[in-house]
Amino acid sequence: PFPSSGPTVSGSTASLRLGLASAPSHAPLPVKRA
């Protein structure tokens, strides 16, 4: 039931816009999925 894709942002730090988090592109896949 968990997402396998979503918004990303370049770098190593997540970003937040209007309550929606973008995973950092340099993060491992488990971090992005979380």
All heavy atoms as atom14 arrays in JSON, in Angstrom:
{
  "sequence": "PFPSSGPTVSGSTASLRLGLASAPSHAPLPVKRA",
  "atom14_mask": [
    [1, 1, 1, 1, 1, 1, 1, 0, 0, 0, 0, 0, 0, 0],
    [1, 1, 1, 1, 1, 1, 1, 1, 1, 1, 1, 0, 0, 0],
    [1, 1, 1, 1, 1, 1, 1, 0, 0, 0, 0, 0, 0, 0],
    [1, 1, 1, 1, 1, 1, 0, 0, 0, 0, 0, 0, 0, 0],
    [1, 1, 1, 1, 1, 1, 0, 0, 0, 0, 0, 0, 0, 0],
    [1, 1, 1, 1, 0, 0, 0, 0, 0, 0, 0, 0, 0, 0],
    [1, 1, 1, 1, 1, 1, 1, 0, 0, 0, 0, 0, 0, 0],
    [1, 1, 1, 1, 1, 1, 1, 0, 0, 0, 0, 0, 0, 0],
    [1, 1, 1, 1, 1, 1, 1, 0, 0, 0, 0, 0, 0, 0],
    [1, 1, 1, 1, 1, 1, 0, 0, 0, 0, 0, 0, 0, 0],
    [1, 1, 1, 1, 0, 0, 0, 0, 0, 0, 0, 0, 0, 0],
    [1, 1, 1, 1, 1, 1, 0, 0, 0, 0, 0, 0, 0, 0],
    [1, 1, 1, 1, 1, 1, 1, 0, 0, 0, 0, 0, 0, 0],
    [1, 1, 1, 1, 1, 0, 0, 0, 0, 0, 0, 0, 0, 0],
    [1, 1, 1, 1, 1, 1, 0, 0, 0, 0, 0, 0, 0, 0],
    [1, 1, 1, 1, 1, 1, 1, 1, 0, 0, 0, 0, 0, 0],
    [1, 1, 1, 1, 1, 1, 1, 1, 1, 1, 1, 0, 0, 0],
    [1, 1, 1, 1, 1, 1, 1, 1, 0, 0, 0, 0, 0, 0],
    [1, 1, 1, 1, 0, 0, 0, 0, 0, 0, 0, 0, 0, 0],
    [1, 1, 1, 1, 1, 1, 1, 1, 0, 0, 0, 0, 0, 0],
    [1, 1, 1, 1, 1, 0, 0, 0, 0, 0, 0, 0, 0, 0],
    [1, 1, 1, 1, 1, 1, 0, 0, 0, 0, 0, 0, 0, 0],
    [1, 1, 1, 1, 1, 0, 0, 0, 0, 0, 0, 0, 0, 0],
    [1, 1, 1, 1, 1, 1, 1, 0, 0, 0, 0, 0, 0, 0],
    [1, 1, 1, 1, 1, 1, 0, 0, 0, 0, 0, 0, 0, 0],
    [1, 1, 1, 1, 1, 1, 1, 1, 1, 1, 0, 0, 0, 0],
    [1, 1, 1, 1, 1, 0, 0, 0, 0, 0, 0, 0, 0, 0],
    [1, 1, 1, 1, 1, 1, 1, 0, 0, 0, 0, 0, 0, 0],
    [1, 1, 1, 1, 1, 1, 1, 1, 0, 0, 0, 0, 0, 0],
    [1, 1, 1, 1, 1, 1, 1, 0, 0, 0, 0, 0, 0, 0],
    [1, 1, 1, 1, 1, 1, 1, 0, 0, 0, 0, 0, 0, 0],
    [1, 1, 1, 1, 1, 1, 1, 1, 1, 0, 0, 0, 0, 0],
    [1, 1, 1, 1, 1, 1, 1, 1, 1, 1, 1, 0, 0, 0],
    [1, 1, 1, 1, 1, 0, 0, 0, 0, 0, 0, 0, 0, 0]
  ],
  "atom14_positions": [
    [[0.8, -1.22, 0.0], [0.0, 0.0, 0.0], [0.84, 1.28, 0.0], [0.3, 2.36, -0.08], [-0.78, -0.12, 1.31], [0.14, -0.88, 2.21], [0.85, -1.85, 1.3], [0.0, 0.0, 0.0], [0.0, 0.0, 0.0], [0.0, 0.0, 0.0], [0.0, 0.0, 0.0], [0.0, 0.0, 0.0], [0.0, 0.0, 0.0], [0.0, 0.0, 0.0]],
    [[2.16, 1.12, 0.07], [3.02, 2.28, 0.19], [3.48, 2.77, -1.18], [3.65, 1.98, -2.09], [4.23, 1.94, 1.06], [3.85, 1.37, 2.4], [4.07, 0.04, 2.69], [3.23, 2.16, 3.35], [3.72, -0.49, 3.92], [2.86, 1.64, 4.58], [3.11, 0.31, 4.86], [0.0, 0.0, 0.0], [0.0, 0.0, 0.0], [0.0, 0.0, 0.0]],
    [[3.71, 4.06, -1.29], [4.09, 4.61, -2.6], [5.51, 4.2, -3.0], [6.39, 4.06, -2.16], [4.02, 6.13, -2.38], [4.22, 6.3, -0.92], [3.61, 5.09, -0.28], [0.0, 0.0, 0.0], [0.0, 0.0, 0.0], [0.0, 0.0, 0.0], [0.0, 0.0, 0.0], [0.0, 0.0, 0.0], [0.0, 0.0, 0.0], [0.0, 0.0, 0.0]],
    [[5.71, 3.99, -4.29], [7.03, 3.66, -4.8], [7.65, 4.84, -5.55], [8.77, 4.75, -6.03], [6.96, 2.43, -5.71], [6.07, 2.67, -6.76], [0.0, 0.0, 0.0], [0.0, 0.0, 0.0], [0.0, 0.0, 0.0], [0.0, 0.0, 0.0], [0.0, 0.0, 0.0], [0.0, 0.0, 0.0], [0.0, 0.0, 0.0], [0.0, 0.0, 0.0]],
    [[6.9, 5.92, -5.63], [7.43, 7.13, -6.26], [6.74, 8.35, -5.66], [5.71, 8.23, -4.99], [7.22, 7.1, -7.77], [5.84, 7.1, -8.07], [0.0, 0.0, 0.0], [0.0, 0.0, 0.0], [0.0, 0.0, 0.0], [0.0, 0.0, 0.0], [0.0, 0.0, 0.0], [0.0, 0.0, 0.0], [0.0, 0.0, 0.0], [0.0, 0.0, 0.0]],
    [[7.31, 9.5, -5.91], [6.75, 10.74, -5.38], [7.65, 11.9, -5.75], [8.62, 11.75, -6.49], [0.0, 0.0, 0.0], [0.0, 0.0, 0.0], [0.0, 0.0, 0.0], [0.0, 0.0, 0.0], [0.0, 0.0, 0.0], [0.0, 0.0, 0.0], [0.0, 0.0, 0.0], [0.0, 0.0, 0.0], [0.0, 0.0, 0.0], [0.0, 0.0, 0.0]],
    [[7.37, 13.06, -5.18], [8.16, 14.25, -5.54], [9.59, 14.16, -4.99], [9.82, 13.62, -3.91], [7.38, 15.39, -4.89], [6.6, 14.75, -3.79], [6.3, 13.36, -4.24], [0.0, 0.0, 0.0], [0.0, 0.0, 0.0], [0.0, 0.0, 0.0], [0.0, 0.0, 0.0], [0.0, 0.0, 0.0], [0.0, 0.0, 0.0], [0.0, 0.0, 0.0]],
    [[10.53, 14.67, -5.78], [11.92, 14.73, -5.35], [12.47, 16.14, -5.57], [11.91, 16.93, -6.32], [12.81, 13.73, -6.12], [12.74, 14.03, -7.51], [12.41, 12.3, -5.86], [0.0, 0.0, 0.0], [0.0, 0.0, 0.0], [0.0, 0.0, 0.0], [0.0, 0.0, 0.0], [0.0, 0.0, 0.0], [0.0, 0.0, 0.0], [0.0, 0.0, 0.0]],
    [[13.57, 16.41, -4.89], [14.28, 17.67, -5.01], [15.76, 17.32, -5.06], [16.19, 16.32, -4.48], [13.94, 18.62, -3.83], [14.38, 18.05, -2.51], [14.48, 19.99, -4.04], [0.0, 0.0, 0.0], [0.0, 0.0, 0.0], [0.0, 0.0, 0.0], [0.0, 0.0, 0.0], [0.0, 0.0, 0.0], [0.0, 0.0, 0.0], [0.0, 0.0, 0.0]],
    [[16.55, 18.1, -5.76], [17.98, 17.79, -5.86], [18.66, 17.96, -4.5], [18.19, 18.73, -3.65], [18.65, 18.67, -6.91], [18.58, 20.01, -6.52], [0.0, 0.0, 0.0], [0.0, 0.0, 0.0], [0.0, 0.0, 0.0], [0.0, 0.0, 0.0], [0.0, 0.0, 0.0], [0.0, 0.0, 0.0], [0.0, 0.0, 0.0], [0.0, 0.0, 0.0]],
    [[19.73, 17.2, -4.29], [20.51, 17.34, -3.08], [20.28, 16.24, -2.08], [19.81, 15.15, -2.42], [0.0, 0.0, 0.0], [0.0, 0.0, 0.0], [0.0, 0.0, 0.0], [0.0, 0.0, 0.0], [0.0, 0.0, 0.0], [0.0, 0.0, 0.0], [0.0, 0.0, 0.0], [0.0, 0.0, 0.0], [0.0, 0.0, 0.0], [0.0, 0.0, 0.0]],
    [[20.62, 16.54, -0.81], [20.58, 15.55, 0.26], [19.62, 15.91, 1.39], [19.61, 15.25, 2.42], [21.98, 15.38, 0.85], [22.85, 14.9, -0.13], [0.0, 0.0, 0.0], [0.0, 0.0, 0.0], [0.0, 0.0, 0.0], [0.0, 0.0, 0.0], [0.0, 0.0, 0.0], [0.0, 0.0, 0.0], [0.0, 0.0, 0.0], [0.0, 0.0, 0.0]],
    [[18.83, 16.97, 1.21], [17.89, 17.4, 2.23], [16.49, 17.5, 1.63], [16.32, 18.04, 0.53], [18.3, 18.77, 2.81], [19.63, 18.68, 3.29], [17.38, 19.19, 3.94], [0.0, 0.0, 0.0], [0.0, 0.0, 0.0], [0.0, 0.0, 0.0], [0.0, 0.0, 0.0], [0.0, 0.0, 0.0], [0.0, 0.0, 0.0], [0.0, 0.0, 0.0]],
    [[15.51, 16.96, 2.34], [14.12, 17.04, 1.89], [13.64, 18.49, 1.94], [14.18, 19.31, 2.69], [13.24, 16.16, 2.76], [0.0, 0.0, 0.0], [0.0, 0.0, 0.0], [0.0, 0.0, 0.0], [0.0, 0.0, 0.0], [0.0, 0.0, 0.0], [0.0, 0.0, 0.0], [0.0, 0.0, 0.0], [0.0, 0.0, 0.0], [0.0, 0.0, 0.0]],
    [[12.64, 18.79, 1.15], [12.05, 20.13, 1.2], [10.55, 20.01, 1.42], [9.95, 18.96, 1.16], [12.34, 20.91, -0.08], [11.61, 20.37, -1.17], [0.0, 0.0, 0.0], [0.0, 0.0, 0.0], [0.0, 0.0, 0.0], [0.0, 0.0, 0.0], [0.0, 0.0, 0.0], [0.0, 0.0, 0.0], [0.0, 0.0, 0.0], [0.0, 0.0, 0.0]],
    [[9.97, 21.08, 1.91], [8.55, 21.09, 2.24], [7.9, 22.29, 1.58], [8.37, 23.43, 1.72], [8.38, 21.17, 3.76], [6.98, 21.07, 4.32], [6.35, 19.73, 3.98], [7.01, 21.26, 5.83], [0.0, 0.0, 0.0], [0.0, 0.0, 0.0], [0.0, 0.0, 0.0], [0.0, 0.0, 0.0], [0.0, 0.0, 0.0], [0.0, 0.0, 0.0]],
    [[6.82, 22.03, 0.85], [6.06, 23.1, 0.21], [4.58, 22.78, 0.32], [4.14, 21.73, -0.15], [6.46, 23.24, -1.25], [5.74, 24.38, -1.92], [6.45, 24.82, -3.16], [5.82, 26.04, -3.62], [5.31, 26.2, -4.81], [5.39, 25.24, -5.7], [4.74, 27.33, -5.14], [0.0, 0.0, 0.0], [0.0, 0.0, 0.0], [0.0, 0.0, 0.0]],
    [[3.86, 23.68, 0.98], [2.42, 23.53, 1.17], [2.07, 22.19, 1.82], [1.09, 21.55, 1.46], [1.67, 23.72, -0.15], [1.89, 25.06, -0.86], [1.23, 25.06, -2.22], [1.37, 26.21, -0.01], [0.0, 0.0, 0.0], [0.0, 0.0, 0.0], [0.0, 0.0, 0.0], [0.0, 0.0, 0.0], [0.0, 0.0, 0.0], [0.0, 0.0, 0.0]],
    [[2.9, 21.74, 2.76], [2.64, 20.52, 3.5], [3.1, 19.25, 2.82], [3.02, 18.17, 3.41], [0.0, 0.0, 0.0], [0.0, 0.0, 0.0], [0.0, 0.0, 0.0], [0.0, 0.0, 0.0], [0.0, 0.0, 0.0], [0.0, 0.0, 0.0], [0.0, 0.0, 0.0], [0.0, 0.0, 0.0], [0.0, 0.0, 0.0], [0.0, 0.0, 0.0]],
    [[3.57, 19.34, 1.57], [4.01, 18.18, 0.81], [5.53, 18.13, 0.82], [6.19, 19.09, 0.45], [3.49, 18.26, -0.62], [3.79, 17.08, -1.52], [2.98, 15.86, -1.07], [3.46, 17.42, -2.96], [0.0, 0.0, 0.0], [0.0, 0.0, 0.0], [0.0, 0.0, 0.0], [0.0, 0.0, 0.0], [0.0, 0.0, 0.0], [0.0, 0.0, 0.0]],
    [[6.07, 17.0, 1.26], [7.53, 16.83, 1.32], [8.04, 16.25, 0.01], [7.43, 15.36, -0.58], [7.89, 15.91, 2.48], [0.0, 0.0, 0.0], [0.0, 0.0, 0.0], [0.0, 0.0, 0.0], [0.0, 0.0, 0.0], [0.0, 0.0, 0.0], [0.0, 0.0, 0.0], [0.0, 0.0, 0.0], [0.0, 0.0, 0.0], [0.0, 0.0, 0.0]],
    [[9.18, 16.75, -0.41], [9.9, 16.21, -1.56], [11.15, 15.52, -1.05], [11.91, 16.11, -0.28], [10.28, 17.31, -2.55], [9.13, 17.87, -3.14], [0.0, 0.0, 0.0], [0.0, 0.0, 0.0], [0.0, 0.0, 0.0], [0.0, 0.0, 0.0], [0.0, 0.0, 0.0], [0.0, 0.0, 0.0], [0.0, 0.0, 0.0], [0.0, 0.0, 0.0]],
    [[11.36, 14.3, -1.48], [12.52, 13.52, -1.04], [13.77, 13.99, -1.77], [13.71, 14.32, -2.96], [12.28, 12.04, -1.31], [0.0, 0.0, 0.0], [0.0, 0.0, 0.0], [0.0, 0.0, 0.0], [0.0, 0.0, 0.0], [0.0, 0.0, 0.0], [0.0, 0.0, 0.0], [0.0, 0.0, 0.0], [0.0, 0.0, 0.0], [0.0, 0.0, 0.0]],
    [[14.9, 14.0, -1.07], [16.14, 14.39, -1.74], [16.58, 13.33, -2.76], [16.52, 12.14, -2.47], [17.15, 14.52, -0.6], [16.58, 13.76, 0.53], [15.09, 13.73, 0.34], [0.0, 0.0, 0.0], [0.0, 0.0, 0.0], [0.0, 0.0, 0.0], [0.0, 0.0, 0.0], [0.0, 0.0, 0.0], [0.0, 0.0, 0.0], [0.0, 0.0, 0.0]],
    [[17.01, 13.77, -3.91], [17.41, 12.83, -4.97], [18.6, 11.97, -4.57], [18.74, 10.85, -5.05], [17.71, 13.6, -6.27], [18.77, 14.52, -6.05], [0.0, 0.0, 0.0], [0.0, 0.0, 0.0], [0.0, 0.0, 0.0], [0.0, 0.0, 0.0], [0.0, 0.0, 0.0], [0.0, 0.0, 0.0], [0.0, 0.0, 0.0], [0.0, 0.0, 0.0]],
    [[19.45, 12.45, -3.68], [20.63, 11.7, -3.25], [20.34, 10.7, -2.13], [21.22, 9.97, -1.71], [21.75, 12.65, -2.81], [22.34, 13.42, -3.94], [21.74, 14.55, -4.46], [23.46, 13.22, -4.67], [22.47, 15.02, -5.44], [23.53, 14.23, -5.6], [0.0, 0.0, 0.0], [0.0, 0.0, 0.0], [0.0, 0.0, 0.0], [0.0, 0.0, 0.0]],
    [[19.12, 10.66, -1.65], [18.76, 9.75, -0.55], [18.59, 8.33, -1.06], [18.16, 8.11, -2.2], [17.47, 10.21, 0.11], [0.0, 0.0, 0.0], [0.0, 0.0, 0.0], [0.0, 0.0, 0.0], [0.0, 0.0, 0.0], [0.0, 0.0, 0.0], [0.0, 0.0, 0.0], [0.0, 0.0, 0.0], [0.0, 0.0, 0.0], [0.0, 0.0, 0.0]],
    [[18.86, 7.35, -0.22], [18.57, 5.95, -0.59], [17.06, 5.77, -0.77], [16.25, 6.48, -0.17], [19.06, 5.15, 0.61], [19.98, 6.06, 1.36], [19.51, 7.45, 1.09], [0.0, 0.0, 0.0], [0.0, 0.0, 0.0], [0.0, 0.0, 0.0], [0.0, 0.0, 0.0], [0.0, 0.0, 0.0], [0.0, 0.0, 0.0], [0.0, 0.0, 0.0]],
    [[16.68, 4.79, -1.59], [15.27, 4.55, -1.88], [14.42, 4.36, -0.62], [13.31, 4.91, -0.55], [15.1, 3.36, -2.83], [13.66, 3.07, -3.26], [13.02, 4.28, -3.95], [13.62, 1.85, -4.18], [0.0, 0.0, 0.0], [0.0, 0.0, 0.0], [0.0, 0.0, 0.0], [0.0, 0.0, 0.0], [0.0, 0.0, 0.0], [0.0, 0.0, 0.0]],
    [[14.86, 3.63, 0.41], [14.03, 3.51, 1.61], [13.7, 4.86, 2.25], [12.59, 5.06, 2.76], [14.87, 2.64, 2.56], [15.75, 1.84, 1.66], [16.06, 2.77, 0.51], [0.0, 0.0, 0.0], [0.0, 0.0, 0.0], [0.0, 0.0, 0.0], [0.0, 0.0, 0.0], [0.0, 0.0, 0.0], [0.0, 0.0, 0.0], [0.0, 0.0, 0.0]],
    [[14.62, 5.8, 2.2], [14.38, 7.14, 2.76], [13.33, 7.86, 1.92], [12.39, 8.47, 2.46], [15.7, 7.94, 2.82], [15.45, 9.37, 3.26], [16.69, 7.24, 3.73], [0.0, 0.0, 0.0], [0.0, 0.0, 0.0], [0.0, 0.0, 0.0], [0.0, 0.0, 0.0], [0.0, 0.0, 0.0], [0.0, 0.0, 0.0], [0.0, 0.0, 0.0]],
    [[13.46, 7.77, 0.62], [12.47, 8.4, -0.27], [11.09, 7.81, -0.02], [10.1, 8.55, 0.1], [12.87, 8.19, -1.73], [14.11, 8.94, -2.15], [14.48, 8.6, -3.58], [15.8, 9.25, -3.97], [16.23, 8.84, -5.31], [0.0, 0.0, 0.0], [0.0, 0.0, 0.0], [0.0, 0.0, 0.0], [0.0, 0.0, 0.0], [0.0, 0.0, 0.0]],
    [[11.01, 6.49, 0.09], [9.71, 5.84, 0.31], [9.11, 6.24, 1.65], [7.89, 6.41, 1.76], [9.85, 4.33, 0.21], [10.12, 3.89, -1.25], [9.94, 2.44, -1.46], [8.52, 2.13, -1.24], [8.0, 0.94, -1.43], [8.74, -0.05, -1.83], [6.72, 0.72, -1.21], [0.0, 0.0, 0.0], [0.0, 0.0, 0.0], [0.0, 0.0, 0.0]],
    [[9.93, 6.42, 2.68], [9.43, 6.88, 3.98], [8.82, 8.27, 3.85], [7.76, 8.56, 4.41], [10.54, 6.86, 5.02], [0.0, 0.0, 0.0], [0.0, 0.0, 0.0], [0.0, 0.0, 0.0], [0.0, 0.0, 0.0], [0.0, 0.0, 0.0], [0.0, 0.0, 0.0], [0.0, 0.0, 0.0], [0.0, 0.0, 0.0], [0.0, 0.0, 0.0]]
  ]
}
